[in-house]
C-alpha atoms as a PDB file:
ATOM      1  CA  THR A   1       0.044   0.001   0.018  1.00  0.00           C
ATOM      2  CA  LEU A   2       1.115   3.591  -0.434  1.00  0.00           C
ATOM      3  CA  LEU A   3       0.896   4.057   3.374  1.00  0.00           C
ATOM      4  CA  GLU A   4       3.512   1.376   3.847  1.00  0.00           C
ATOM      5  CA  GLY A   5       5.698   2.298   0.870  1.00  0.00           C
ATOM      6  CA  ALA A   6       5.115  -0.929  -0.886  1.00  0.00           C
ATOM      7  CA  THR A   7       4.562  -1.315  -4.556  1.00  0.00           C
ATOM      8  CA  LEU A   8       1.468  -3.200  -6.059  1.00  0.00           C
ATOM      9  CA  VAL A   9       2.601  -5.699  -8.584  1.00  0.00           C
ATOM     10  CA  LEU A  10       0.004  -7.209 -10.863  1.00  0.00           C
ATOM     11  CA  ALA A  11       1.117 -10.424 -12.476  1.00  0.00           C
ATOM     12  CA  PRO A  12       0.719 -10.763 -16.252  1.00  0.00           C
ATOM     13  CA  PRO A  13      -2.640 -12.089 -17.624  1.00  0.00           C
ATOM     14  CA  ALA A  14      -3.038 -15.791 -16.942  1.00  0.00           C
ATOM     15  CA  ALA A  15      -0.165 -15.937 -14.636  1.00  0.00           C
ATOM     16  CA  HIS A  16      -2.509 -16.660 -11.690  1.00  0.00           C
ATOM     17  CA  LYS A  17      -2.834 -20.172 -13.283  1.00  0.00           C
ATOM     18  CA  ASP A  18       0.867 -20.702 -14.080  1.00  0.00           C
ATOM     19  CA  PRO A  19       3.029 -21.310 -11.022  1.00  0.00           C
ATOM     20  CA  ASP A  20       6.247 -20.992 -13.079  1.00  0.00           C
ATOM     21  CA  ALA A  21       5.203 -17.555 -14.232  1.00  0.00           C
ATOM     22  CA  LEU A  22       4.365 -16.554 -10.578  1.00  0.00           C
ATOM     23  CA  VAL A  23       7.932 -17.758  -9.580  1.00  0.00           C
ATOM     24  CA  LYS A  24       9.390 -15.547 -12.220  1.00  0.00           C
ATOM     25  CA  VAL A  25       7.317 -12.562 -11.181  1.00  0.00           C
ATOM     26  CA  ILE A  26       8.069 -13.130  -7.561  1.00  0.00           C
ATOM     27  CA  LEU A  27      11.823 -13.496  -8.157  1.00  0.00           C
ATOM     28  CA  SER A  28      12.152 -10.541 -10.635  1.00  0.00           C
ATOM     29  CA  GLN A  29       9.975  -8.033  -8.547  1.00  0.00           C
ATOM     30  CA  ARG A  30      11.111  -9.214  -5.108  1.00  0.00           C
ATOM     31  CA  ILE A  31       7.515  -9.767  -4.038  1.00  0.00           C
ATOM     32  CA  THR A  32       6.976  -9.677  -0.379  1.00  0.00           C
ATOM     33  CA  THR A  33       3.323 -10.682   0.116  1.00  0.00           C
ATOM     34  CA  ALA A  34       1.222 -13.047  -2.095  1.00  0.00           C
ATOM     35  CA  HIS A  35      -2.270 -14.104  -1.791  1.00  0.00           C
ATOM     36  CA  PHE A  36      -3.235 -17.734  -2.996  1.00  0.00           C
ATOM     37  CA  VAL A  37      -6.092 -20.118  -3.005  1.00  0.00           C
ATOM     38  CA  PRO A  38      -4.752 -23.176  -1.320  1.00  0.00           C
ATOM     39  CA  SER A  39      -5.133 -25.367  -4.468  1.00  0.00           C
ATOM     40  CA  MET A  40      -2.919 -22.953  -6.372  1.00  0.00           C
ATOM     41  CA  LEU A  41      -0.420 -22.675  -3.462  1.00  0.00           C
ATOM     42  CA  VAL A  42      -0.077 -26.437  -3.722  1.00  0.00           C
ATOM     43  CA  SER A  43       0.985 -26.001  -7.469  1.00  0.00           C
ATOM     44  CA  PHE A  44       3.204 -23.057  -6.520  1.00  0.00           C
ATOM     45  CA  MET A  45       4.978 -25.005  -3.748  1.00  0.00           C
ATOM     46  CA  ASP A  46       5.541 -27.978  -6.158  1.00  0.00           C
ATOM     47  CA  THR A  47       7.187 -25.684  -8.805  1.00  0.00           C
ATOM     48  CA  THR A  48      10.883 -25.680  -9.376  1.00  0.00           C
ATOM     49  CA  GLY A  49      12.099 -22.286  -7.962  1.00  0.00           C
ATOM     50  CA  ALA A  50       9.524 -21.780  -5.220  1.00  0.00           C
ATOM     51  CA  ASP A  51      12.293 -22.397  -2.642  1.00  0.00           C
ATOM     52  CA  ARG A  52      14.228 -19.444  -4.110  1.00  0.00           C
ATOM     53  CA  CYS A  53      11.304 -16.999  -3.564  1.00  0.00           C
ATOM     54  CA  THR A  54      12.940 -15.801  -0.314  1.00  0.00           C
ATOM     55  CA  SER A  55      11.648 -12.266  -0.707  1.00  0.00           C
ATOM     56  CA  LEU A  56       8.298 -13.477   0.205  1.00  0.00           C
ATOM     57  CA  GLN A  57       7.635 -12.270   3.927  1.00  0.00           C
ATOM     58  CA  ARG A  58       4.100 -13.549   4.035  1.00  0.00           C
ATOM     59  CA  LEU A  59       1.692 -15.909   2.157  1.00  0.00           C
ATOM     60  CA  VAL A  60      -1.951 -15.269   2.599  1.00  0.00           C
ATOM     61  CA  CYS A  61      -4.525 -18.157   1.803  1.00  0.00           C
ATOM     62  CA  SER A  62      -8.291 -18.050   1.555  1.00  0.00           C
ATOM     63  CA  GLY A  63     -11.079 -19.173  -0.545  1.00  0.00           C
ATOM     64  CA  GLU A  64     -10.755 -22.900   0.330  1.00  0.00           C
ATOM     65  CA  ALA A  65      -9.767 -25.048   3.243  1.00  0.00           C
ATOM     66  CA  LEU A  66      -5.939 -24.923   3.568  1.00  0.00           C
ATOM     67  CA  PRO A  67      -4.725 -28.548   3.962  1.00  0.00           C
ATOM     68  CA  ALA A  68      -2.219 -29.259   6.833  1.00  0.00           C
ATOM     69  CA  SER A  69       0.149 -30.897   4.411  1.00  0.00           C
ATOM     70  CA  VAL A  70       0.359 -27.613   2.433  1.00  0.00           C
ATOM     71  CA  ALA A  71       1.098 -25.556   5.633  1.00  0.00           C
ATOM     72  CA  HIS A  72       3.855 -28.068   6.463  1.00  0.00           C
ATOM     73  CA  LYS A  73       5.304 -27.755   3.000  1.00  0.00           C
ATOM     74  CA  VAL A  74       5.410 -23.931   3.239  1.00  0.00           C
ATOM     75  CA  ARG A  75       6.946 -24.180   6.612  1.00  0.00           C
ATOM     76  CA  ARG A  76       9.739 -26.615   5.288  1.00  0.00           C
ATOM     77  CA  VAL A  77      10.320 -24.894   1.844  1.00  0.00           C
ATOM     78  CA  LEU A  78      10.000 -21.300   2.912  1.00  0.00           C
ATOM     79  CA  PRO A  79      10.758 -21.356   6.727  1.00  0.00           C
ATOM     80  CA  LEU A  80      11.128 -17.501   7.005  1.00  0.00           C
ATOM     81  CA  THR A  81       7.905 -16.830   5.297  1.00  0.00           C
ATOM     82  CA  GLY A  82       4.814 -16.062   7.373  1.00  0.00           C
ATOM     83  CA  LEU A  83       1.641 -18.101   6.460  1.00  0.00           C
ATOM     84  CA  HIS A  84      -1.675 -16.735   7.209  1.00  0.00           C
ATOM     85  CA  ASN A  85      -5.059 -18.631   6.767  1.00  0.00           C
ATOM     86  CA  LEU A  86      -8.368 -16.457   6.338  1.00  0.00           C
ATOM     87  CA  TYR A  87     -11.719 -17.827   6.482  1.00  0.00           C
ATOM     88  CA  GLY A  88     -15.022 -16.231   5.452  1.00  0.00           C
ATOM     89  CA  PRO A  89     -18.198 -17.360   3.805  1.00  0.00           C
ATOM     90  CA  THR A  90     -19.528 -15.362   0.888  1.00  0.00           C
ATOM     91  CA  GLU A  91     -22.720 -14.502   2.687  1.00  0.00           C
ATOM     92  CA  ALA A  92     -20.695 -12.494   5.282  1.00  0.00           C
ATOM     93  CA  ALA A  93     -17.743 -10.839   3.780  1.00  0.00           C
ATOM     94  CA  ILE A  94     -14.525 -11.739   2.197  1.00  0.00           C
ATOM     95  CA  ASP A  95     -12.723 -12.801   5.469  1.00  0.00           C
ATOM     96  CA  VAL A  96     -14.147 -12.952   9.053  1.00  0.00           C
ATOM     97  CA  THR A  97     -11.265 -14.944  10.786  1.00  0.00           C
ATOM     98  CA  ALA A  98      -7.604 -15.055  10.567  1.00  0.00           C
ATOM     99  CA  TRP A  99      -4.905 -17.437  11.852  1.00  0.00           C
ATOM    100  CA  SER A 100      -1.194 -17.113  11.453  1.00  0.00           C
ATOM    101  CA  CYS A 101       0.689 -20.392  11.221  1.00  0.00           C
ATOM    102  CA  PRO A 102       3.613 -20.729  13.779  1.00  0.00           C
ATOM    103  CA  ALA A 103       6.980 -21.793  12.581  1.00  0.00           C
ATOM    104  CA  ASP A 104       6.815 -25.121  14.477  1.00  0.00           C
ATOM    105  CA  PHE A 105       3.177 -26.014  13.317  1.00  0.00           C
ATOM    106  CA  ASP A 106       2.760 -29.739  13.040  1.00  0.00           C
ATOM    107  CA  GLY A 107      -0.931 -30.074  13.408  1.00  0.00           C
ATOM    108  CA  ALA A 108      -3.267 -32.290  11.343  1.00  0.00           C
ATOM    109  CA  ILE A 109      -5.873 -29.631  10.794  1.00  0.00           C
ATOM    110  CA  VAL A 110      -5.239 -25.909  10.058  1.00  0.00           C
ATOM    111  CA  PRO A 111      -7.483 -23.676  12.142  1.00  0.00           C
ATOM    112  CA  ILE A 112      -9.624 -20.936  10.661  1.00  0.00           C
ATOM    113  CA  GLY A 113      -8.347 -18.713  13.556  1.00  0.00           C
ATOM    114  CA  ARG A 114      -9.882 -15.942  15.505  1.00  0.00           C
ATOM    115  CA  PRO A 115     -12.356 -13.173  14.487  1.00  0.00           C
ATOM    116  CA  ILE A 116     -10.914 -10.233  12.801  1.00  0.00           C
ATOM    117  CA  ALA A 117     -11.628  -6.762  14.160  1.00  0.00           C
ATOM    118  CA  ASN A 118     -15.264  -5.829  14.570  1.00  0.00           C
ATOM    119  CA  THR A 119     -16.414  -9.386  14.045  1.00  0.00           C
ATOM    120  CA  ARG A 120     -17.994 -11.865  16.513  1.00  0.00           C
ATOM    121  CA  ILE A 121     -18.068 -15.536  15.897  1.00  0.00           C
ATOM    122  CA  TYR A 122     -20.482 -17.967  17.719  1.00  0.00           C
ATOM    123  CA  LEU A 123     -20.633 -21.775  17.594  1.00  0.00           C
ATOM    124  CA  LEU A 124     -24.245 -22.621  18.281  1.00  0.00           C
ATOM    125  CA  ASP A 125     -26.549 -25.603  18.436  1.00  0.00           C
ATOM    126  CA  GLY A 126     -29.769 -26.090  16.515  1.00  0.00           C
ATOM    127  CA  HIS A 127     -31.663 -23.989  19.249  1.00  0.00           C
ATOM    128  CA  GLY A 128     -29.301 -21.105  18.954  1.00  0.00           C
ATOM    129  CA  ALA A 129     -27.499 -21.964  22.323  1.00  0.00           C
ATOM    130  CA  PRO A 130     -23.600 -22.035  22.546  1.00  0.00           C
ATOM    131  CA  VAL A 131     -22.178 -25.438  22.272  1.00  0.00           C
ATOM    132  CA  PRO A 132     -19.595 -26.776  24.832  1.00  0.00           C
ATOM    133  CA  PHE A 133     -15.798 -26.575  24.033  1.00  0.00           C
ATOM    134  CA  ARG A 134     -14.893 -29.093  21.201  1.00  0.00           C
ATOM    135  CA  ALA A 135     -18.536 -29.775  20.360  1.00  0.00           C
ATOM    136  CA  VAL A 136     -19.955 -29.863  16.772  1.00  0.00           C
ATOM    137  CA  GLY A 137     -22.142 -26.706  16.094  1.00  0.00           C
ATOM    138  CA  GLU A 138     -23.218 -24.121  13.452  1.00  0.00           C
ATOM    139  CA  LEU A 139     -20.892 -21.175  12.901  1.00  0.00           C
ATOM    140  CA  TYR A 140     -22.689 -17.738  13.419  1.00  0.00           C
ATOM    141  CA  ILE A 141     -21.174 -14.576  12.395  1.00  0.00           C
ATOM    142  CA  GLY A 142     -21.968 -11.097  13.716  1.00  0.00           C
ATOM    143  CA  GLY A 143     -20.565  -7.575  13.406  1.00  0.00           C
ATOM    144  CA  ALA A 144     -19.285  -5.344  10.673  1.00  0.00           C
ATOM    145  CA  PRO A 145     -18.689  -7.960   7.876  1.00  0.00           C
ATOM    146  CA  CYS A 146     -22.339  -9.036   7.921  1.00  0.00           C
ATOM    147  CA  PRO A 147     -24.795  -7.168   5.626  1.00  0.00           C
ATOM    148  CA  SER A 148     -27.520  -5.396   7.341  1.00  0.00           C
ATOM    149  CA  SER A 149     -31.005  -6.822   7.386  1.00  0.00           C
ATOM    150  CA  ARG A 150     -32.642  -3.404   7.414  1.00  0.00           C
END
């Protein structure tokens, strides 16, 4: 952003589907932040040269569930790059929760994280009551990301 003194780099047309092209752009432009859907991150991490993309300070994932195996691979291949998982259903907003993957992450499931600013997350049963810790429930979202019903 202009506030941070960074430059926005747009990849060439169709590069978002070509991991080799993305590696070239990241290397040539010294990209520090990239946003992937997890399925494309899989392809990117499997591409020759992904390990040379050391200018990347952070990778952001959203749009699909982030498999733990992909998080483990990012941690292994780009250990100094921060990995952030975002979650948000279309009905609410683009993202409503965020989680930063710790360097020593070895979990079997990548969490969706905690609510972002001005957002509330509830896990409720079929009657609208909160469920106990670790119980199955329905995710309810409140706050600024939700459209007004007025």
